[in-house]
N, C-alpha and C. Protein backbone atom coordinates (compact mmCIF):
# COMPACT_ATOMS: atom_id res chain seq x y z
N MET A 1 -12.11 11.42 -27.70
CA MET A 1 -11.98 11.77 -26.32
C MET A 1 -10.53 11.55 -25.90
N LYS A 2 -10.00 12.49 -25.18
CA LYS A 2 -8.61 12.43 -24.75
C LYS A 2 -8.46 11.46 -23.57
N ARG A 3 -7.41 10.65 -23.64
CA ARG A 3 -7.15 9.68 -22.57
C ARG A 3 -6.55 10.37 -21.36
N PHE A 4 -6.74 9.74 -20.21
CA PHE A 4 -6.16 10.24 -18.97
C PHE A 4 -4.65 10.02 -19.03
N LEU A 5 -3.88 11.09 -18.99
CA LEU A 5 -2.43 10.98 -19.08
C LEU A 5 -1.82 10.86 -17.70
N LEU A 6 -0.99 9.87 -17.54
CA LEU A 6 -0.31 9.66 -16.27
C LEU A 6 1.07 10.31 -16.32
N PRO A 7 1.54 10.77 -15.21
CA PRO A 7 2.87 11.38 -15.20
C PRO A 7 3.95 10.32 -15.43
N LYS A 8 5.04 10.72 -16.09
CA LYS A 8 6.17 9.81 -16.33
C LYS A 8 7.11 9.77 -15.13
N ASN A 9 6.99 10.76 -14.25
CA ASN A 9 7.84 10.85 -13.07
C ASN A 9 7.48 9.74 -12.09
N LYS A 10 8.48 8.98 -11.66
CA LYS A 10 8.22 7.85 -10.76
C LYS A 10 7.75 8.30 -9.38
N VAL A 11 8.25 9.43 -8.92
CA VAL A 11 7.81 9.95 -7.61
C VAL A 11 6.33 10.29 -7.66
N ALA A 12 5.88 10.88 -8.76
CA ALA A 12 4.47 11.21 -8.91
C ALA A 12 3.62 9.94 -9.00
N GLN A 13 4.13 8.92 -9.69
CA GLN A 13 3.41 7.66 -9.78
C GLN A 13 3.26 7.01 -8.41
N VAL A 14 4.32 7.05 -7.63
CA VAL A 14 4.26 6.48 -6.27
C VAL A 14 3.25 7.26 -5.43
N ALA A 15 3.26 8.60 -5.55
CA ALA A 15 2.33 9.42 -4.77
C ALA A 15 0.88 9.11 -5.16
N ILE A 16 0.61 8.97 -6.45
CA ILE A 16 -0.74 8.65 -6.90
C ILE A 16 -1.15 7.27 -6.39
N ASN A 17 -0.23 6.32 -6.46
CA ASN A 17 -0.52 4.96 -6.01
C ASN A 17 -0.80 4.92 -4.51
N VAL A 18 0.02 5.59 -3.72
CA VAL A 18 -0.18 5.61 -2.27
C VAL A 18 -1.50 6.30 -1.91
N ALA A 19 -1.80 7.40 -2.59
CA ALA A 19 -3.06 8.10 -2.33
C ALA A 19 -4.25 7.21 -2.65
N PHE A 20 -4.18 6.49 -3.77
CA PHE A 20 -5.29 5.59 -4.11
C PHE A 20 -5.45 4.49 -3.07
N ILE A 21 -4.34 3.91 -2.61
CA ILE A 21 -4.42 2.83 -1.63
C ILE A 21 -5.05 3.32 -0.34
N VAL A 22 -4.67 4.50 0.13
CA VAL A 22 -5.23 5.04 1.37
C VAL A 22 -6.73 5.32 1.20
N ILE A 23 -7.09 5.95 0.10
CA ILE A 23 -8.51 6.28 -0.15
C ILE A 23 -9.33 5.00 -0.32
N TRP A 24 -8.80 4.04 -1.09
CA TRP A 24 -9.54 2.81 -1.33
C TRP A 24 -9.73 2.00 -0.05
N GLU A 25 -8.71 1.99 0.80
CA GLU A 25 -8.83 1.25 2.06
C GLU A 25 -9.96 1.79 2.92
N GLU A 26 -10.07 3.11 3.02
CA GLU A 26 -11.16 3.71 3.79
C GLU A 26 -12.51 3.46 3.14
N LEU A 27 -12.57 3.63 1.82
CA LEU A 27 -13.82 3.43 1.10
C LEU A 27 -14.26 1.96 1.17
N ALA A 28 -13.32 1.04 1.03
CA ALA A 28 -13.65 -0.38 1.09
C ALA A 28 -14.18 -0.75 2.48
N ASP A 29 -13.59 -0.18 3.51
CA ASP A 29 -14.08 -0.45 4.87
C ASP A 29 -15.53 -0.01 5.03
N LEU A 30 -15.86 1.17 4.52
CA LEU A 30 -17.24 1.66 4.62
C LEU A 30 -18.21 0.78 3.84
N ILE A 31 -17.81 0.41 2.63
CA ILE A 31 -18.68 -0.42 1.79
C ILE A 31 -18.87 -1.81 2.41
N LEU A 32 -17.79 -2.40 2.86
CA LEU A 32 -17.90 -3.72 3.48
C LEU A 32 -18.73 -3.69 4.75
N GLU A 33 -18.61 -2.62 5.52
CA GLU A 33 -19.41 -2.50 6.74
C GLU A 33 -20.90 -2.46 6.41
N MET A 34 -21.27 -1.71 5.36
CA MET A 34 -22.67 -1.67 4.95
C MET A 34 -23.15 -3.03 4.45
N ILE A 35 -22.29 -3.72 3.70
CA ILE A 35 -22.65 -5.05 3.18
C ILE A 35 -22.87 -6.02 4.33
N TRP A 36 -21.96 -6.02 5.31
CA TRP A 36 -22.08 -6.98 6.42
C TRP A 36 -23.27 -6.65 7.31
N GLU A 37 -23.64 -5.37 7.41
CA GLU A 37 -24.84 -5.03 8.17
C GLU A 37 -26.08 -5.60 7.50
N LYS A 38 -26.16 -5.48 6.18
CA LYS A 38 -27.31 -6.03 5.44
C LYS A 38 -27.35 -7.55 5.55
N ILE A 39 -26.18 -8.18 5.42
CA ILE A 39 -26.14 -9.63 5.53
C ILE A 39 -26.51 -10.07 6.94
N GLY A 40 -26.09 -9.29 7.95
CA GLY A 40 -26.42 -9.61 9.33
C GLY A 40 -27.91 -9.51 9.59
N GLN A 41 -28.58 -8.55 8.94
CA GLN A 41 -30.03 -8.42 9.10
C GLN A 41 -30.76 -9.61 8.47
N VAL A 42 -30.23 -10.08 7.36
CA VAL A 42 -30.85 -11.20 6.67
C VAL A 42 -30.49 -12.53 7.34
N GLU A 43 -29.40 -12.53 8.10
CA GLU A 43 -28.86 -13.72 8.75
C GLU A 43 -28.53 -14.79 7.72
N PHE A 44 -27.82 -14.35 6.69
CA PHE A 44 -27.45 -15.23 5.57
C PHE A 44 -26.39 -16.24 5.99
N PHE A 45 -25.31 -15.77 6.58
CA PHE A 45 -24.30 -16.67 7.11
C PHE A 45 -23.55 -15.97 8.23
N ASN A 46 -22.77 -16.75 8.94
CA ASN A 46 -22.02 -16.25 10.09
C ASN A 46 -20.93 -15.29 9.62
N GLN A 47 -20.83 -14.12 10.25
CA GLN A 47 -19.84 -13.13 9.84
C GLN A 47 -18.43 -13.47 10.29
N ASP A 48 -18.27 -14.52 11.06
CA ASP A 48 -16.94 -14.94 11.48
C ASP A 48 -16.40 -16.06 10.61
N SER A 49 -17.05 -16.33 9.50
CA SER A 49 -16.65 -17.46 8.66
C SER A 49 -15.45 -17.11 7.78
N PHE A 50 -14.88 -18.16 7.23
CA PHE A 50 -13.73 -18.02 6.33
C PHE A 50 -14.13 -17.32 5.04
N LEU A 51 -15.36 -17.50 4.59
CA LEU A 51 -15.85 -16.87 3.38
C LEU A 51 -15.86 -15.35 3.51
N VAL A 52 -16.19 -14.86 4.66
CA VAL A 52 -16.18 -13.42 4.91
C VAL A 52 -14.76 -12.87 4.83
N LEU A 53 -13.82 -13.59 5.41
CA LEU A 53 -12.42 -13.17 5.36
C LEU A 53 -11.92 -13.12 3.92
N ILE A 54 -12.20 -14.13 3.14
CA ILE A 54 -11.78 -14.16 1.73
C ILE A 54 -12.42 -13.01 0.96
N THR A 55 -13.70 -12.75 1.19
CA THR A 55 -14.40 -11.66 0.51
C THR A 55 -13.77 -10.32 0.84
N GLU A 56 -13.47 -10.10 2.09
CA GLU A 56 -12.86 -8.83 2.49
C GLU A 56 -11.48 -8.66 1.88
N ILE A 57 -10.69 -9.72 1.87
CA ILE A 57 -9.35 -9.62 1.29
C ILE A 57 -9.43 -9.35 -0.20
N LEU A 58 -10.29 -10.06 -0.90
CA LEU A 58 -10.41 -9.84 -2.35
C LEU A 58 -10.95 -8.46 -2.67
N PHE A 59 -11.91 -8.00 -1.90
CA PHE A 59 -12.50 -6.68 -2.14
C PHE A 59 -11.49 -5.57 -1.89
N LEU A 60 -10.56 -5.81 -0.99
CA LEU A 60 -9.56 -4.81 -0.68
C LEU A 60 -8.35 -4.91 -1.61
N ILE A 61 -7.88 -6.11 -1.88
CA ILE A 61 -6.62 -6.31 -2.59
C ILE A 61 -6.74 -6.22 -4.11
N LEU A 62 -7.76 -6.81 -4.71
CA LEU A 62 -7.85 -6.83 -6.17
C LEU A 62 -7.89 -5.45 -6.81
N PRO A 63 -8.69 -4.51 -6.32
CA PRO A 63 -8.64 -3.17 -6.93
C PRO A 63 -7.29 -2.48 -6.76
N ILE A 64 -6.63 -2.70 -5.63
CA ILE A 64 -5.32 -2.10 -5.41
C ILE A 64 -4.31 -2.67 -6.39
N LEU A 65 -4.32 -3.98 -6.57
CA LEU A 65 -3.38 -4.60 -7.51
C LEU A 65 -3.63 -4.17 -8.95
N SER A 66 -4.89 -4.12 -9.36
CA SER A 66 -5.18 -3.72 -10.73
C SER A 66 -4.84 -2.26 -10.98
N PHE A 67 -5.10 -1.38 -10.02
CA PHE A 67 -4.75 0.04 -10.18
C PHE A 67 -3.23 0.22 -10.21
N THR A 68 -2.52 -0.49 -9.36
CA THR A 68 -1.06 -0.41 -9.34
C THR A 68 -0.49 -0.88 -10.67
N TYR A 69 -1.01 -1.98 -11.20
CA TYR A 69 -0.57 -2.48 -12.50
C TYR A 69 -0.81 -1.42 -13.58
N TRP A 70 -1.99 -0.80 -13.57
CA TRP A 70 -2.33 0.20 -14.58
C TRP A 70 -1.43 1.43 -14.47
N ILE A 71 -1.14 1.88 -13.25
CA ILE A 71 -0.28 3.05 -13.05
C ILE A 71 1.13 2.79 -13.57
N TRP A 72 1.68 1.64 -13.25
CA TRP A 72 3.09 1.41 -13.56
C TRP A 72 3.33 0.87 -14.96
N TRP A 73 2.48 0.00 -15.46
CA TRP A 73 2.75 -0.61 -16.75
C TRP A 73 1.70 -0.23 -17.79
N GLY A 74 0.48 -0.13 -17.42
CA GLY A 74 -0.61 0.33 -18.28
C GLY A 74 -0.57 -0.19 -19.70
N LYS A 75 -0.75 0.71 -20.64
CA LYS A 75 -0.83 0.37 -22.05
C LYS A 75 0.53 -0.05 -22.60
N ASN A 76 1.59 0.55 -22.13
CA ASN A 76 2.92 0.28 -22.67
C ASN A 76 3.36 -1.17 -22.45
N PHE A 77 2.95 -1.77 -21.37
CA PHE A 77 3.37 -3.13 -21.06
C PHE A 77 2.73 -4.12 -22.03
N MET A 78 1.50 -3.87 -22.43
CA MET A 78 0.78 -4.80 -23.29
C MET A 78 1.00 -4.53 -24.77
N ALA A 79 1.60 -3.40 -25.11
CA ALA A 79 1.80 -3.05 -26.52
C ALA A 79 2.80 -4.00 -27.15
N LYS A 80 2.55 -4.31 -28.42
CA LYS A 80 3.48 -5.18 -29.14
C LYS A 80 4.71 -4.38 -29.51
N LYS A 81 5.83 -4.98 -29.29
CA LYS A 81 7.09 -4.31 -29.62
C LYS A 81 7.46 -4.62 -31.07
N LYS A 82 7.98 -3.62 -31.74
CA LYS A 82 8.42 -3.80 -33.11
C LYS A 82 9.86 -4.28 -33.09
N PHE A 83 10.09 -5.38 -33.77
CA PHE A 83 11.44 -5.93 -33.82
C PHE A 83 12.07 -5.55 -35.14
N ILE A 84 13.30 -5.16 -35.08
CA ILE A 84 14.05 -4.82 -36.29
C ILE A 84 14.77 -6.06 -36.77
N LYS A 85 14.56 -6.36 -38.05
CA LYS A 85 15.21 -7.55 -38.62
C LYS A 85 16.53 -7.20 -39.24
C-alpha cells in the first residue's frame, strides 16, 4: 500500500497544518459539547471543575501537536542517520 506523501514545500505544509488546526478546533468543540451534555445528564461531576478544563485542553492540544510533529518531521526525524567513518 502506498504511503500518504506530504509536500516538501514549506508553504504547503503550513497550509495543511493551519487547515487541520481550524477543522480540528471546530470538530473538538462539537465532540466535547456532546460529551459534556451526556456527563451533565448523568450528573457525574461539576462541569466547572478543573478536571473539565484539563480534559478540554488535552483533547484540543494533543492531536494538534502530534499532527504538527508528523507534518514537519514525520519519518525523517526518527530515521537513523548513516555516519561516514
